[in-house]
Amino acid sequence: PSGVMDLKTMAISRLMLDNFPHIKAYWVMLGLKTAQVALSFG
């Protein structure tokens, strides 16, 4: 997946899963930089 898809999937997951306390950006699979940006995408 592209970086755009990674961030978009993260954000949509946060929006759809309204009853989940936490959403994790697993840096091992995303890469450190994308995981860092994901902290502003849900």
Full PDB file with SEQRES, HELIX, SHEET, SSBOND, CRYST1, ORIGX, SCALE, CONECT and MASTER records, all heavy atoms in Angstrom:
SEQRES   1 A   42  PRO SER GLY VAL MET ASP LEU LYS THR MET ALA ILE SER          
SEQRES   2 A   42  ARG LEU MET LEU ASP ASN PHE PRO HIS ILE LYS ALA TYR          
SEQRES   3 A   42  TRP VAL MET LEU GLY LEU LYS THR ALA GLN VAL ALA LEU          
SEQRES   4 A   42  SER PHE GLY                                                  
HELIX    1 AA1 GLY A    3  MET A   16  1                                  14    
HELIX    2 AA2 TRP A   27  LEU A   30  1                                   4    
HELIX    3 AA3 LEU A   32  ALA A   38  1                                   7    
CRYST1    1.000    1.000    1.000  90.00  90.00  90.00 P 1           1          
ORIGX1      1.000000  0.000000  0.000000        0.00000                         
ORIGX2      0.000000  1.000000  0.000000        0.00000                         
ORIGX3      0.000000  0.000000  1.000000        0.00000                         
SCALE1      1.000000  0.000000  0.000000        0.00000                         
SCALE2      0.000000  1.000000  0.000000        0.00000                         
SCALE3      0.000000  0.000000  1.000000        0.00000                         
ATOM      1  N   PRO A   1       0.816  -1.214   0.000  1.00  0.00           N  
ATOM      2  CA  PRO A   1       0.000   0.000   0.000  1.00  0.00           C  
ATOM      3  C   PRO A   1       0.851   1.267   0.000  1.00  0.00           C  
ATOM      4  O   PRO A   1       1.965   1.291   0.534  1.00  0.00           O  
ATOM      5  CB  PRO A   1      -0.807  -0.112   1.294  1.00  0.00           C  
ATOM      6  CG  PRO A   1      -0.747  -1.541   1.679  1.00  0.00           C  
ATOM      7  CD  PRO A   1       0.534  -2.077   1.147  1.00  0.00           C  
ATOM      8  N   SER A   2       0.297   2.321  -0.588  1.00  0.00           N  
ATOM      9  CA  SER A   2       0.971   3.618  -0.612  1.00  0.00           C  
ATOM     10  C   SER A   2       0.804   4.324   0.730  1.00  0.00           C  
ATOM     11  O   SER A   2      -0.037   3.944   1.560  1.00  0.00           O  
ATOM     12  CB  SER A   2       0.372   4.493  -1.707  1.00  0.00           C  
ATOM     13  OG  SER A   2      -0.980   4.832  -1.386  1.00  0.00           O  
ATOM     14  N   GLY A   3       1.583   5.383   0.925  1.00  0.00           N  
ATOM     15  CA  GLY A   3       1.448   6.186   2.127  1.00  0.00           C  
ATOM     16  C   GLY A   3       0.073   6.810   2.243  1.00  0.00           C  
ATOM     17  O   GLY A   3      -0.487   6.924   3.346  1.00  0.00           O  
ATOM     18  N   VAL A   4      -0.502   7.200   1.116  1.00  0.00           N  
ATOM     19  CA  VAL A   4      -1.847   7.777   1.132  1.00  0.00           C  
ATOM     20  C   VAL A   4      -2.856   6.750   1.625  1.00  0.00           C  
ATOM     21  O   VAL A   4      -3.723   7.051   2.462  1.00  0.00           O  
ATOM     22  CB  VAL A   4      -2.229   8.306  -0.270  1.00  0.00           C  
ATOM     23  CG1 VAL A   4      -3.717   8.654  -0.329  1.00  0.00           C  
ATOM     24  CG2 VAL A   4      -1.396   9.531  -0.626  1.00  0.00           C  
ATOM     25  N   MET A   5      -2.757   5.522   1.118  1.00  0.00           N  
ATOM     26  CA  MET A   5      -3.687   4.485   1.565  1.00  0.00           C  
ATOM     27  C   MET A   5      -3.505   4.182   3.047  1.00  0.00           C  
ATOM     28  O   MET A   5      -4.488   3.953   3.776  1.00  0.00           O  
ATOM     29  CB  MET A   5      -3.515   3.210   0.745  1.00  0.00           C  
ATOM     30  CG  MET A   5      -4.568   2.159   1.091  1.00  0.00           C  
ATOM     31  SD  MET A   5      -4.466   0.675   0.061  1.00  0.00           S  
ATOM     32  CE  MET A   5      -6.034  -0.102   0.477  1.00  0.00           C  
ATOM     33  N   ASP A   6      -2.255   4.158   3.505  1.00  0.00           N  
ATOM     34  CA  ASP A   6      -2.001   3.911   4.927  1.00  0.00           C  
ATOM     35  C   ASP A   6      -2.708   4.944   5.791  1.00  0.00           C  
ATOM     36  O   ASP A   6      -3.405   4.598   6.754  1.00  0.00           O  
ATOM     37  CB  ASP A   6      -0.498   3.961   5.210  1.00  0.00           C  
ATOM     38  CG  ASP A   6       0.265   2.790   4.622  1.00  0.00           C  
ATOM     39  OD1 ASP A   6      -0.335   1.725   4.411  1.00  0.00           O  
ATOM     40  OD2 ASP A   6       1.475   2.946   4.379  1.00  0.00           O  
ATOM     41  N   LEU A   7      -2.539   6.210   5.471  1.00  0.00           N  
ATOM     42  CA  LEU A   7      -3.129   7.271   6.284  1.00  0.00           C  
ATOM     43  C   LEU A   7      -4.647   7.311   6.150  1.00  0.00           C  
ATOM     44  O   LEU A   7      -5.364   7.550   7.126  1.00  0.00           O  
ATOM     45  CB  LEU A   7      -2.520   8.621   5.901  1.00  0.00           C  
ATOM     46  CG  LEU A   7      -1.028   8.772   6.209  1.00  0.00           C  
ATOM     47  CD1 LEU A   7      -0.499  10.086   5.648  1.00  0.00           C  
ATOM     48  CD2 LEU A   7      -0.774   8.700   7.721  1.00  0.00           C  
ATOM     49  N   LYS A   8      -5.138   7.073   4.960  1.00  0.00           N  
ATOM     50  CA  LYS A   8      -6.577   7.080   4.742  1.00  0.00           C  
ATOM     51  C   LYS A   8      -7.244   5.933   5.498  1.00  0.00           C  
ATOM     52  O   LYS A   8      -8.302   6.111   6.132  1.00  0.00           O  
ATOM     53  CB  LYS A   8      -6.858   6.968   3.239  1.00  0.00           C  
ATOM     54  CG  LYS A   8      -8.305   7.221   2.849  1.00  0.00           C  
ATOM     55  CD  LYS A   8      -8.416   7.213   1.323  1.00  0.00           C  
ATOM     56  CE  LYS A   8      -9.827   7.480   0.853  1.00  0.00           C  
ATOM     57  NZ  LYS A   8      -9.921   7.445  -0.628  1.00  0.00           N  
ATOM     58  N   THR A   9      -6.635   4.746   5.459  1.00  0.00           N  
ATOM     59  CA  THR A   9      -7.188   3.600   6.178  1.00  0.00           C  
ATOM     60  C   THR A   9      -7.172   3.857   7.675  1.00  0.00           C  
ATOM     61  O   THR A   9      -8.125   3.504   8.391  1.00  0.00           O  
ATOM     62  CB  THR A   9      -6.404   2.324   5.831  1.00  0.00           C  
ATOM     63  OG1 THR A   9      -6.437   2.122   4.420  1.00  0.00           O  
ATOM     64  CG2 THR A   9      -6.992   1.110   6.537  1.00  0.00           C  
ATOM     65  N   MET A  10      -6.095   4.454   8.161  1.00  0.00           N  
ATOM     66  CA  MET A  10      -6.014   4.791   9.581  1.00  0.00           C  
ATOM     67  C   MET A  10      -7.152   5.726   9.967  1.00  0.00           C  
ATOM     68  O   MET A  10      -7.869   5.509  10.965  1.00  0.00           O  
ATOM     69  CB  MET A  10      -4.669   5.469   9.865  1.00  0.00           C  
ATOM     70  CG  MET A  10      -4.351   5.678  11.330  1.00  0.00           C  
ATOM     71  SD  MET A  10      -3.916   4.143  12.182  1.00  0.00           S  
ATOM     72  CE  MET A  10      -2.477   3.611  11.248  1.00  0.00           C  
ATOM     73  N   ALA A  11      -7.351   6.774   9.175  1.00  0.00           N  
ATOM     74  CA  ALA A  11      -8.363   7.774   9.489  1.00  0.00           C  
ATOM     75  C   ALA A  11      -9.774   7.199   9.418  1.00  0.00           C  
ATOM     76  O   ALA A  11     -10.608   7.449  10.303  1.00  0.00           O  
ATOM     77  CB  ALA A  11      -8.223   8.961   8.536  1.00  0.00           C  
ATOM     78  N   ILE A  12     -10.059   6.437   8.375  1.00  0.00           N  
ATOM     79  CA  ILE A  12     -11.396   5.851   8.241  1.00  0.00           C  
ATOM     80  C   ILE A  12     -11.665   4.867   9.378  1.00  0.00           C  
ATOM     81  O   ILE A  12     -12.785   4.788   9.904  1.00  0.00           O  
ATOM     82  CB  ILE A  12     -11.556   5.177   6.862  1.00  0.00           C  
ATOM     83  CG1 ILE A  12     -11.544   6.254   5.760  1.00  0.00           C  
ATOM     84  CG2 ILE A  12     -12.838   4.355   6.795  1.00  0.00           C  
ATOM     85  CD1 ILE A  12     -11.536   5.695   4.351  1.00  0.00           C  
ATOM     86  N   SER A  13     -10.645   4.143   9.789  1.00  0.00           N  
ATOM     87  CA  SER A  13     -10.805   3.218  10.912  1.00  0.00           C  
ATOM     88  C   SER A  13     -11.207   3.971  12.175  1.00  0.00           C  
ATOM     89  O   SER A  13     -12.096   3.543  12.916  1.00  0.00           O  
ATOM     90  CB  SER A  13      -9.499   2.451  11.153  1.00  0.00           C  
ATOM     91  OG  SER A  13      -9.138   1.689  10.028  1.00  0.00           O  
ATOM     92  N   ARG A  14     -10.541   5.101  12.425  1.00  0.00           N  
ATOM     93  CA  ARG A  14     -10.878   5.898  13.606  1.00  0.00           C  
ATOM     94  C   ARG A  14     -12.320   6.418  13.528  1.00  0.00           C  
ATOM     95  O   ARG A  14     -13.046   6.446  14.535  1.00  0.00           O  
ATOM     96  CB  ARG A  14      -9.906   7.063  13.746  1.00  0.00           C  
ATOM     97  CG  ARG A  14     -10.162   8.036  14.897  1.00  0.00           C  
ATOM     98  CD  ARG A  14      -9.984   7.431  16.281  1.00  0.00           C  
ATOM     99  NE  ARG A  14     -11.097   6.551  16.678  1.00  0.00           N  
ATOM    100  CZ  ARG A  14     -11.121   5.796  17.771  1.00  0.00           C  
ATOM    101  NH1 ARG A  14     -10.084   5.818  18.595  1.00  0.00           N  
ATOM    102  NH2 ARG A  14     -12.145   5.026  18.047  1.00  0.00           N  
ATOM    103  N   LEU A  15     -12.747   6.809  12.337  1.00  0.00           N  
ATOM    104  CA  LEU A  15     -14.094   7.365  12.170  1.00  0.00           C  
ATOM    105  C   LEU A  15     -15.178   6.296  12.282  1.00  0.00           C  
ATOM    106  O   LEU A  15     -16.244   6.536  12.856  1.00  0.00           O  
ATOM    107  CB  LEU A  15     -14.192   8.070  10.825  1.00  0.00           C  
ATOM    108  CG  LEU A  15     -13.382   9.370  10.716  1.00  0.00           C  
ATOM    109  CD1 LEU A  15     -13.270   9.819   9.269  1.00  0.00           C  
ATOM    110  CD2 LEU A  15     -14.011  10.463  11.576  1.00  0.00           C  
ATOM    111  N   MET A  16     -14.928   5.118  11.757  1.00  0.00           N  
ATOM    112  CA  MET A  16     -15.941   4.061  11.783  1.00  0.00           C  
ATOM    113  C   MET A  16     -16.014   3.365  13.145  1.00  0.00           C  
ATOM    114  O   MET A  16     -17.091   2.991  13.596  1.00  0.00           O  
ATOM    115  CB  MET A  16     -15.661   3.029  10.695  1.00  0.00           C  
ATOM    116  CG  MET A  16     -15.785   3.547   9.272  1.00  0.00           C  
ATOM    117  SD  MET A  16     -17.446   4.145   8.845  1.00  0.00           S  
ATOM    118  CE  MET A  16     -18.408   2.633   8.965  1.00  0.00           C  
ATOM    119  N   LEU A  17     -14.876   3.194  13.794  1.00  0.00           N  
ATOM    120  CA  LEU A  17     -14.834   2.453  15.061  1.00  0.00           C  
ATOM    121  C   LEU A  17     -15.025   3.406  16.234  1.00  0.00           C  
ATOM    122  O   LEU A  17     -14.127   3.600  17.068  1.00  0.00           O  
ATOM    123  CB  LEU A  17     -13.518   1.685  15.178  1.00  0.00           C  
ATOM    124  CG  LEU A  17     -13.298   0.585  14.132  1.00  0.00           C  
ATOM    125  CD1 LEU A  17     -11.924  -0.035  14.284  1.00  0.00           C  
ATOM    126  CD2 LEU A  17     -14.384  -0.487  14.229  1.00  0.00           C  
ATOM    127  N   ASP A  18     -16.206   3.987  16.313  1.00  0.00           N  
ATOM    128  CA  ASP A  18     -16.466   5.006  17.329  1.00  0.00           C  
ATOM    129  C   ASP A  18     -16.457   4.452  18.745  1.00  0.00           C  
ATOM    130  O   ASP A  18     -16.327   5.207  19.715  1.00  0.00           O  
ATOM    131  CB  ASP A  18     -17.811   5.686  17.054  1.00  0.00           C  
ATOM    132  CG  ASP A  18     -18.957   4.692  16.886  1.00  0.00           C  
ATOM    133  OD1 ASP A  18     -19.159   3.862  17.783  1.00  0.00           O  
ATOM    134  OD2 ASP A  18     -19.640   4.743  15.845  1.00  0.00           O  
ATOM    135  N   ASN A  19     -16.569   3.127  18.896  1.00  0.00           N  
ATOM    136  CA  ASN A  19     -16.597   2.530  20.233  1.00  0.00           C  
ATOM    137  C   ASN A  19     -15.276   1.869  20.623  1.00  0.00           C  
ATOM    138  O   ASN A  19     -15.210   1.181  21.650  1.00  0.00           O  
ATOM    139  CB  ASN A  19     -17.756   1.532  20.344  1.00  0.00           C  
ATOM    140  CG  ASN A  19     -17.741   0.485  19.235  1.00  0.00           C  
ATOM    141  OD1 ASN A  19     -16.804   0.428  18.437  1.00  0.00           O  
ATOM    142  ND2 ASN A  19     -18.783  -0.343  19.174  1.00  0.00           N  
ATOM    143  N   PHE A  20     -14.233   2.036  19.831  1.00  0.00           N  
ATOM    144  CA  PHE A  20     -12.901   1.545  20.184  1.00  0.00           C  
ATOM    145  C   PHE A  20     -12.120   2.664  20.875  1.00  0.00           C  
ATOM    146  O   PHE A  20     -12.017   3.759  20.330  1.00  0.00           O  
ATOM    147  CB  PHE A  20     -12.134   1.102  18.933  1.00  0.00           C  
ATOM    148  CG  PHE A  20     -12.354  -0.341  18.552  1.00  0.00           C  
ATOM    149  CD1 PHE A  20     -13.616  -0.800  18.211  1.00  0.00           C  
ATOM    150  CD2 PHE A  20     -11.301  -1.234  18.534  1.00  0.00           C  
ATOM    151  CE1 PHE A  20     -13.830  -2.123  17.855  1.00  0.00           C  
ATOM    152  CE2 PHE A  20     -11.488  -2.558  18.179  1.00  0.00           C  
ATOM    153  CZ  PHE A  20     -12.759  -3.013  17.834  1.00  0.00           C  
ATOM    154  N   PRO A  21     -11.558   2.402  22.051  1.00  0.00           N  
ATOM    155  CA  PRO A  21     -10.815   3.458  22.745  1.00  0.00           C  
ATOM    156  C   PRO A  21      -9.574   3.933  21.994  1.00  0.00           C  
ATOM    157  O   PRO A  21      -9.247   5.118  22.032  1.00  0.00           O  
ATOM    158  CB  PRO A  21     -10.419   2.808  24.077  1.00  0.00           C  
ATOM    159  CG  PRO A  21     -11.334   1.650  24.247  1.00  0.00           C  
ATOM    160  CD  PRO A  21     -11.664   1.173  22.859  1.00  0.00           C  
ATOM    161  N   HIS A  22      -8.876   3.007  21.316  1.00  0.00           N  
ATOM    162  CA  HIS A  22      -7.573   3.350  20.754  1.00  0.00           C  
ATOM    163  C   HIS A  22      -7.408   2.801  19.328  1.00  0.00           C  
ATOM    164  O   HIS A  22      -7.940   1.748  18.990  1.00  0.00           O  
ATOM    165  CB  HIS A  22      -6.446   2.788  21.636  1.00  0.00           C  
ATOM    166  CG  HIS A  22      -6.523   3.236  23.056  1.00  0.00           C  
ATOM    167  ND1 HIS A  22      -6.151   4.496  23.454  1.00  0.00           N  
ATOM    168  CD2 HIS A  22      -6.975   2.593  24.176  1.00  0.00           C  
ATOM    169  CE1 HIS A  22      -6.347   4.617  24.755  1.00  0.00           C  
ATOM    170  NE2 HIS A  22      -6.844   3.487  25.212  1.00  0.00           N  
ATOM    171  N   ILE A  23      -6.630   3.541  18.544  1.00  0.00           N  
ATOM    172  CA  ILE A  23      -6.215   3.114  17.201  1.00  0.00           C  
ATOM    173  C   ILE A  23      -4.691   3.167  17.166  1.00  0.00           C  
ATOM    174  O   ILE A  23      -4.085   4.198  17.508  1.00  0.00           O  
ATOM    175  CB  ILE A  23      -6.791   4.028  16.097  1.00  0.00           C  
ATOM    176  CG1 ILE A  23      -8.318   4.085  16.172  1.00  0.00           C  
ATOM    177  CG2 ILE A  23      -6.329   3.544  14.722  1.00  0.00           C  
ATOM    178  CD1 ILE A  23      -9.038   2.823  15.795  1.00  0.00           C  
ATOM    179  N   LYS A  24      -4.077   2.074  16.744  1.00  0.00           N  
ATOM    180  CA  LYS A  24      -2.612   1.982  16.786  1.00  0.00           C  
ATOM    181  C   LYS A  24      -1.995   2.109  15.397  1.00  0.00           C  
ATOM    182  O   LYS A  24      -2.441   1.473  14.445  1.00  0.00           O  
ATOM    183  CB  LYS A  24      -2.199   0.645  17.399  1.00  0.00           C  
ATOM    184  CG  LYS A  24      -0.694   0.456  17.553  1.00  0.00           C  
ATOM    185  CD  LYS A  24      -0.354  -0.925  18.069  1.00  0.00           C  
ATOM    186  CE  LYS A  24      -0.815  -1.131  19.484  1.00  0.00           C  
ATOM    187  NZ  LYS A  24      -0.362  -2.447  20.023  1.00  0.00           N  
ATOM    188  N   ALA A  25      -0.950   2.919  15.317  1.00  0.00           N  
ATOM    189  CA  ALA A  25      -0.114   3.008  14.118  1.00  0.00           C  
ATOM    190  C   ALA A  25       1.102   2.114  14.348  1.00  0.00           C  
ATOM    191  O   ALA A  25       2.067   2.529  15.006  1.00  0.00           O  
ATOM    192  CB  ALA A  25       0.308   4.453  13.868  1.00  0.00           C  
ATOM    193  N   TYR A  26       1.042   0.892  13.836  1.00  0.00           N  
ATOM    194  CA  TYR A  26       2.087  -0.099  14.086  1.00  0.00           C  
ATOM    195  C   TYR A  26       3.297   0.229  13.223  1.00  0.00           C  
ATOM    196  O   TYR A  26       3.349  -0.097  12.037  1.00  0.00           O  
ATOM    197  CB  TYR A  26       1.529  -1.484  13.783  1.00  0.00           C  
ATOM    198  CG  TYR A  26       2.441  -2.640  14.126  1.00  0.00           C  
ATOM    199  CD1 TYR A  26       3.251  -2.610  15.252  1.00  0.00           C  
ATOM    200  CD2 TYR A  26       2.470  -3.780  13.330  1.00  0.00           C  
ATOM    201  CE1 TYR A  26       4.064  -3.671  15.579  1.00  0.00           C  
ATOM    202  CE2 TYR A  26       3.281  -4.854  13.640  1.00  0.00           C  
ATOM    203  CZ  TYR A  26       4.081  -4.793  14.765  1.00  0.00           C  
ATOM    204  OH  TYR A  26       4.903  -5.853  15.086  1.00  0.00           O  
ATOM    205  N   TRP A  27       4.301   0.834  13.838  1.00  0.00           N  
ATOM    206  CA  TRP A  27       5.428   1.370  13.069  1.00  0.00           C  
ATOM    207  C   TRP A  27       6.209   0.295  12.321  1.00  0.00           C  
ATOM    208  O   TRP A  27       6.825   0.589  11.289  1.00  0.00           O  
ATOM    209  CB  TRP A  27       6.359   2.180  13.976  1.00  0.00           C  
ATOM    210  CG  TRP A  27       7.061   1.419  15.066  1.00  0.00           C  
ATOM    211  CD1 TRP A  27       6.693   1.337  16.376  1.00  0.00           C  
ATOM    212  CD2 TRP A  27       8.266   0.655  14.940  1.00  0.00           C  
ATOM    213  NE1 TRP A  27       7.574   0.560  17.082  1.00  0.00           N  
ATOM    214  CE2 TRP A  27       8.562   0.130  16.230  1.00  0.00           C  
ATOM    215  CE3 TRP A  27       9.127   0.355  13.894  1.00  0.00           C  
ATOM    216  CZ2 TRP A  27       9.674  -0.672  16.485  1.00  0.00           C  
ATOM    217  CZ3 TRP A  27      10.248  -0.453  14.137  1.00  0.00           C  
ATOM    218  CH2 TRP A  27      10.510  -0.946  15.418  1.00  0.00           C  
ATOM    219  N   VAL A  28       6.183  -0.943  12.803  1.00  0.00           N  
ATOM    220  CA  VAL A  28       6.922  -2.016  12.135  1.00  0.00           C  
ATOM    221  C   VAL A  28       6.449  -2.181  10.694  1.00  0.00           C  
ATOM    222  O   VAL A  28       7.251  -2.398   9.777  1.00  0.00           O  
ATOM    223  CB  VAL A  28       6.773  -3.336  12.912  1.00  0.00           C  
ATOM    224  CG1 VAL A  28       7.319  -4.507  12.108  1.00  0.00           C  
ATOM    225  CG2 VAL A  28       7.479  -3.236  14.255  1.00  0.00           C  
ATOM    226  N   MET A  29       5.152  -2.057  10.466  1.00  0.00           N  
ATOM    227  CA  MET A  29       4.597  -2.245   9.126  1.00  0.00           C  
ATOM    228  C   MET A  29       4.467  -0.943   8.356  1.00  0.00           C  
ATOM    229  O   MET A  29       4.606  -0.932   7.129  1.00  0.00           O  
ATOM    230  CB  MET A  29       3.235  -2.930   9.216  1.00  0.00           C  
ATOM    231  CG  MET A  29       3.310  -4.305   9.831  1.00  0.00           C  
ATOM    232  SD  MET A  29       1.775  -5.226   9.676  1.00  0.00           S  
ATOM    233  CE  MET A  29       1.834  -5.745   7.973  1.00  0.00           C  
ATOM    234  N   LEU A  30       4.187   0.152   9.048  1.00  0.00           N  
ATOM    235  CA  LEU A  30       3.983   1.430   8.366  1.00  0.00           C  
ATOM    236  C   LEU A  30       5.292   2.143   8.055  1.00  0.00           C  
ATOM    237  O   LEU A  30       5.359   2.929   7.108  1.00  0.00           O  
ATOM    238  CB  LEU A  30       3.124   2.359   9.238  1.00  0.00           C  
ATOM    239  CG  LEU A  30       1.675   1.956   9.469  1.00  0.00           C  
ATOM    240  CD1 LEU A  30       1.044   2.896  10.485  1.00  0.00           C  
ATOM    241  CD2 LEU A  30       0.897   1.979   8.153  1.00  0.00           C  
ATOM    242  N   GLY A  31       6.304   1.878   8.840  1.00  0.00           N  
ATOM    243  CA  GLY A  31       7.515   2.684   8.790  1.00  0.00           C  
ATOM    244  C   GLY A  31       7.398   3.797   9.822  1.00  0.00           C  
ATOM    245  O   GLY A  31       6.303   4.273  10.137  1.00  0.00           O  
ATOM    246  N   LEU A  32       8.525   4.227  10.353  1.00  0.00           N  
ATOM    247  CA  LEU A  32       8.520   5.211  11.429  1.00  0.00           C  
ATOM    248  C   LEU A  32       7.910   6.540  10.998  1.00  0.00           C  
ATOM    249  O   LEU A  32       7.155   7.169  11.745  1.00  0.00           O  
ATOM    250  CB  LEU A  32       9.942   5.420  11.944  1.00  0.00           C  
ATOM    251  CG  LEU A  32      10.552   4.221  12.685  1.00  0.00           C  
ATOM    252  CD1 LEU A  32      12.035   4.441  12.919  1.00  0.00           C  
ATOM    253  CD2 LEU A  32       9.831   3.982  14.003  1.00  0.00           C  
ATOM    254  N   LYS A  33       8.219   6.978   9.782  1.00  0.00           N  
ATOM    255  CA  LYS A  33       7.744   8.291   9.345  1.00  0.00           C  
ATOM    256  C   LYS A  33       6.236   8.311   9.161  1.00  0.00           C  
ATOM    257  O   LYS A  33       5.559   9.256   9.584  1.00  0.00           O  
ATOM    258  CB  LYS A  33       8.457   8.699   8.050  1.00  0.00           C  
ATOM    259  CG  LYS A  33       9.949   8.938   8.228  1.00  0.00           C  
ATOM    260  CD  LYS A  33      10.632   9.287   6.913  1.00  0.00           C  
ATOM    261  CE  LYS A  33      12.127   9.496   7.118  1.00  0.00           C  
ATOM    262  NZ  LYS A  33      12.823   9.796   5.824  1.00  0.00           N  
ATOM    263  N   THR A  34       5.695   7.268   8.508  1.00  0.00           N  
ATOM    264  CA  THR A  34       4.245   7.226   8.310  1.00  0.00           C  
ATOM    265  C   THR A  34       3.520   7.063   9.637  1.00  0.00           C  
ATOM    266  O   THR A  34       2.466   7.674   9.865  1.00  0.00           O  
ATOM    267  CB  THR A  34       3.867   6.082   7.351  1.00  0.00           C  
ATOM    268  OG1 THR A  34       4.533   6.276   6.099  1.00  0.00           O  
ATOM    269  CG2 THR A  34       2.363   6.044   7.110  1.00  0.00           C  
ATOM    270  N   ALA A  35       4.082   6.256  10.537  1.00  0.00           N  
ATOM    271  CA  ALA A  35       3.466   6.084  11.857  1.00  0.00           C  
ATOM    272  C   ALA A  35       3.421   7.401  12.609  1.00  0.00           C  
ATOM    273  O   ALA A  35       2.445   7.719  13.301  1.00  0.00           O  
ATOM    274  CB  ALA A  35       4.228   5.035  12.657  1.00  0.00           C  
ATOM    275  N   GLN A  36       4.466   8.177  12.446  1.00  0.00           N  
ATOM    276  CA  GLN A  36       4.527   9.484  13.101  1.00  0.00           C  
ATOM    277  C   GLN A  36       3.426  10.409  12.574  1.00  0.00           C  
ATOM    278  O   GLN A  36       2.699  11.037  13.339  1.00  0.00           O  
ATOM    279  CB  GLN A  36       5.912  10.090  12.856  1.00  0.00           C  
ATOM    280  CG  GLN A  36       6.211  11.351  13.641  1.00  0.00           C  
ATOM    281  CD  GLN A  36       7.611  11.855  13.338  1.00  0.00           C  
ATOM    282  OE1 GLN A  36       8.114  11.712  12.218  1.00  0.00           O  
ATOM    283  NE2 GLN A  36       8.247  12.453  14.328  1.00  0.00           N  
ATOM    284  N   VAL A  37       3.254  10.454  11.263  1.00  0.00           N  
ATOM    285  CA  VAL A  37       2.207  11.289  10.663  1.00  0.00           C  
ATOM    286  C   VAL A  37       0.822  10.770  11.050  1.00  0.00           C  
ATOM    287  O   VAL A  37      -0.120  11.554  11.241  1.00  0.00           O  
ATOM    288  CB  VAL A  37       2.365  11.328   9.132  1.00  0.00           C  
ATOM    289  CG1 VAL A  37       1.224  12.119   8.488  1.00  0.00           C  
ATOM    290  CG2 VAL A  37       3.702  11.944   8.745  1.00  0.00           C  
ATOM    291  N   ALA A  38       0.692   9.452  11.198  1.00  0.00           N  
ATOM    292  CA  ALA A  38      -0.603   8.857  11.532  1.00  0.00           C  
ATOM    293  C   ALA A  38      -1.143   9.356  12.863  1.00  0.00           C  
ATOM    294  O   ALA A  38      -2.352   9.271  13.110  1.00  0.00           O  
ATOM    295  CB  ALA A  38      -0.486   7.336  11.555  1.00  0.00           C  
ATOM    296  N   LEU A  39      -0.282   9.899  13.712  1.00  0.00           N  
ATOM    297  CA  LEU A  39      -0.741  10.456  14.982  1.00  0.00           C  
ATOM    298  C   LEU A  39      -1.612  11.685  14.792  1.00  0.00           C  
ATOM    299  O   LEU A  39      -2.244  12.152  15.740  1.00  0.00           O  
ATOM    300  CB  LEU A  39       0.458  10.784  15.878  1.00  0.00           C  
ATOM    301  CG  LEU A  39       1.267   9.579  16.368  1.00  0.00           C  
ATOM    302  CD1 LEU A  39       2.487  10.037  17.145  1.00  0.00           C  
ATOM    303  CD2 LEU A  39       0.404   8.654  17.229  1.00  0.00           C  
ATOM    304  N   SER A  40      -1.673  12.200  13.573  1.00  0.00           N  
ATOM    305  CA  SER A  40      -2.602  13.282  13.231  1.00  0.00           C  
ATOM    306  C   SER A  40      -3.711  12.800  12.307  1.00  0.00           C  
ATOM    307  O   SER A  40      -4.495  13.613  11.800  1.00  0.00           O  
ATOM    308  CB  SER A  40      -1.850  14.446  12.567  1.00  0.00           C  
ATOM    309  OG  SER A  40      -0.973  15.053  13.490  1.00  0.00           O  
ATOM    310  N   PHE A  41      -3.787  11.499  12.068  1.00  0.00           N  
ATOM    311  CA  PHE A  41      -4.810  10.905  11.207  1.00  0.00           C  
ATOM    312  C   PHE A  41      -5.625   9.846  11.947  1.00  0.00           C  
ATOM    313  O   PHE A  41      -6.074   8.885  11.351  1.00  0.00           O  
ATOM    314  CB  PHE A  41      -4.164  10.308   9.954  1.00  0.00           C  
ATOM    315  CG  PHE A  41      -3.837  11.335   8.895  1.00  0.00           C  
ATOM    316  CD1 PHE A  41      -2.739  12.172   9.034  1.00  0.00           C  
ATOM    317  CD2 PHE A  41      -4.642  11.489   7.772  1.00  0.00           C  
ATOM    318  CE1 PHE A  41      -2.440  13.125   8.071  1.00  0.00           C  
ATOM    319  CE2 PHE A  41      -4.344  12.435   6.803  1.00  0.00           C  
ATOM    320  CZ  PHE A  41      -3.247  13.263   6.948  1.00  0.00           C  
ATOM    321  N   GLY A  42      -5.789  10.039  13.237  1.00  0.00           N  
ATOM    322  CA  GLY A  42      -6.655   9.158  14.008  1.00  0.00           C  
ATOM    323  C   GLY A  42      -5.953   8.266  15.003  1.00  0.00           C  
ATOM    324  O   GLY A  42      -6.577   7.779  15.946  1.00  0.00           O  
TER     325      GLY A  42                                                      
MASTER        0    0    0    3    0    0    0    6  324    1    0    4          
END                                                                             
